[in-house]
């Protein structure tokens, strides 16, 4: 099945999706669409080893949560296949700048990731579903 068709099927069934990524996620792509494409497919979060600088902010601008594996960790190191279901628990139960996020998988793996919302305005953009929705709410 094509990736977009699979994403549409998951979205139709009410499943939220995440991306497990390696180093410099978002490099070398048309950055604007590199964030819009995952948004249109229903991606809610990305857990990467690292991000291309602008792509991280483009993701949160679309309302996609950028998370980062701890140094030395990756999907491969942690034995993640992408078939798991993931749950996220934030410190104090809320999203914040640089917060540590406890990630638990359906098969019992537990690890911590860093929330890559790096400023208070970025947290506000994310909490409003992205920068466009944030601006619209401010205008209304």
Protein backbone atom coordinates (compact mmCIF):
# COMPACT_ATOMS: atom_id res chain seq x y z
CA UNK A 1 0.00 0.00 0.00
CA UNK A 2 1.28 3.48 -0.79
CA UNK A 3 2.35 5.55 2.24
CA UNK A 4 -0.30 8.21 1.66
CA UNK A 5 -3.05 5.58 1.26
CA UNK A 6 -1.94 3.85 4.48
CA UNK A 7 -1.90 7.19 6.32
CA UNK A 8 -5.38 8.03 4.99
CA UNK A 9 -6.64 4.64 6.17
CA UNK A 10 -5.18 5.11 9.67
CA UNK A 11 -6.65 8.62 9.83
CA UNK A 12 -10.06 7.31 8.73
CA UNK A 13 -9.88 4.66 11.48
CA UNK A 14 -9.07 7.35 14.08
CA UNK A 15 -5.42 6.42 14.66
CA UNK A 16 -2.89 9.18 15.26
CA UNK A 17 0.51 8.63 13.65
CA UNK A 18 4.11 9.47 14.54
CA UNK A 19 7.39 9.35 12.63
CA UNK A 20 10.52 7.67 13.97
CA UNK A 21 13.49 9.39 12.33
CA UNK A 22 17.26 9.45 12.29
CA UNK A 23 19.75 12.32 12.26
CA UNK A 24 19.13 15.70 10.64
CA UNK A 25 15.47 14.89 9.96
CA UNK A 26 14.15 17.26 7.29
CA UNK A 27 17.47 17.92 5.55
CA UNK A 28 17.57 18.22 1.80
CA UNK A 29 13.85 18.44 1.28
CA UNK A 30 11.47 21.14 0.21
CA UNK A 31 11.14 22.19 3.82
CA UNK A 32 7.73 23.79 3.56
CA UNK A 33 6.11 20.68 2.09
CA UNK A 34 8.25 18.42 4.26
CA UNK A 35 6.07 19.61 7.16
CA UNK A 36 2.78 20.02 5.25
CA UNK A 37 2.90 16.46 3.88
CA UNK A 38 3.08 14.80 7.31
CA UNK A 39 0.40 17.18 8.61
CA UNK A 40 -1.96 16.19 5.77
CA UNK A 41 -1.28 12.51 6.55
CA UNK A 42 -2.31 12.97 10.18
CA UNK A 43 1.17 12.81 11.75
CA UNK A 44 1.00 14.15 15.33
CA UNK A 45 4.64 13.83 16.45
CA UNK A 46 8.15 13.09 15.20
CA UNK A 47 10.80 11.45 17.36
CA UNK A 48 14.17 12.04 15.71
CA UNK A 49 17.83 11.79 16.64
CA UNK A 50 18.24 15.41 15.46
CA UNK A 51 16.54 17.95 13.21
CA UNK A 52 17.50 20.22 10.41
CA UNK A 53 17.17 23.62 12.10
CA UNK A 54 14.33 25.13 10.07
CA UNK A 55 12.41 21.88 9.65
CA UNK A 56 11.90 21.52 13.41
CA UNK A 57 10.18 24.91 13.52
CA UNK A 58 8.17 24.13 10.37
CA UNK A 59 6.85 20.97 12.04
CA UNK A 60 5.66 22.79 15.13
CA UNK A 61 4.23 25.50 12.87
CA UNK A 62 1.98 22.78 11.44
CA UNK A 63 1.06 21.53 14.92
CA UNK A 64 3.35 18.48 14.83
CA UNK A 65 5.27 17.86 18.06
CA UNK A 66 9.05 17.55 17.55
CA UNK A 67 10.64 15.19 20.06
CA UNK A 68 14.26 14.10 20.19
CA UNK A 69 15.84 10.84 21.30
CA UNK A 70 18.47 11.15 24.04
CA UNK A 71 22.11 11.19 22.85
CA UNK A 72 23.16 7.72 21.75
CA UNK A 73 19.58 6.50 21.37
CA UNK A 74 17.63 5.87 18.20
CA UNK A 75 14.73 3.74 17.03
CA UNK A 76 17.22 1.00 16.17
CA UNK A 77 19.07 1.16 19.52
CA UNK A 78 15.76 1.00 21.40
CA UNK A 79 14.44 -1.83 19.21
CA UNK A 80 11.52 0.21 17.86
CA UNK A 81 9.99 -1.10 14.64
CA UNK A 82 7.20 1.41 14.05
CA UNK A 83 4.53 -1.22 14.64
CA UNK A 84 4.12 -0.18 18.29
CA UNK A 85 1.53 2.11 19.76
CA UNK A 86 3.06 5.00 21.69
CA UNK A 87 1.86 7.00 24.67
CA UNK A 88 3.49 10.19 25.92
CA UNK A 89 3.61 11.53 29.46
CA UNK A 90 4.87 15.06 30.01
CA UNK A 91 6.46 16.33 33.22
CA UNK A 92 3.67 17.91 35.30
CA UNK A 93 1.25 16.69 32.62
CA UNK A 94 1.83 19.59 30.22
CA UNK A 95 3.95 20.51 27.22
CA UNK A 96 6.80 22.89 28.02
CA UNK A 97 10.11 24.20 26.75
CA UNK A 98 12.67 21.39 26.66
CA UNK A 99 10.54 19.12 28.84
CA UNK A 100 11.47 15.50 29.27
CA UNK A 101 8.78 13.23 27.86
CA UNK A 102 8.28 9.67 29.06
CA UNK A 103 7.42 7.48 26.07
CA UNK A 104 5.85 4.06 26.60
CA UNK A 105 5.20 1.58 23.82
CA UNK A 106 2.48 -1.03 23.57
CA UNK A 107 5.09 -3.78 23.97
CA UNK A 108 6.40 -2.36 27.26
CA UNK A 109 9.44 -0.36 26.18
CA UNK A 110 9.92 2.87 28.12
CA UNK A 111 12.33 5.66 27.21
CA UNK A 112 12.65 9.41 27.56
CA UNK A 113 12.68 11.95 24.76
CA UNK A 114 13.24 15.68 24.85
CA UNK A 115 10.46 18.03 23.78
CA UNK A 116 12.00 20.27 21.10
CA UNK A 117 9.73 23.21 21.66
CA UNK A 118 12.56 25.59 22.44
CA UNK A 119 10.76 28.84 23.37
CA UNK A 120 7.54 29.87 25.10
CA UNK A 121 6.07 31.24 21.82
CA UNK A 122 6.73 27.83 20.20
CA UNK A 123 4.78 26.16 23.02
CA UNK A 124 1.90 28.59 22.39
CA UNK A 125 1.95 27.85 18.65
CA UNK A 126 1.91 24.10 19.26
CA UNK A 127 -0.83 24.28 21.91
CA UNK A 128 -3.01 26.13 19.40
CA UNK A 129 -2.49 23.52 16.68
CA UNK A 130 0.19 25.44 14.79
CA UNK A 131 1.15 28.99 14.00
CA UNK A 132 -1.73 29.71 11.59
CA UNK A 133 -4.34 28.67 14.14
CA UNK A 134 -2.49 30.66 16.82
CA UNK A 135 -2.58 33.82 14.70
CA UNK A 136 -6.23 33.27 13.76
CA UNK A 137 -7.22 32.88 17.43
CA UNK A 138 -5.31 36.05 18.30
CA UNK A 139 -7.12 37.95 15.55
CA UNK A 140 -10.53 36.66 16.61
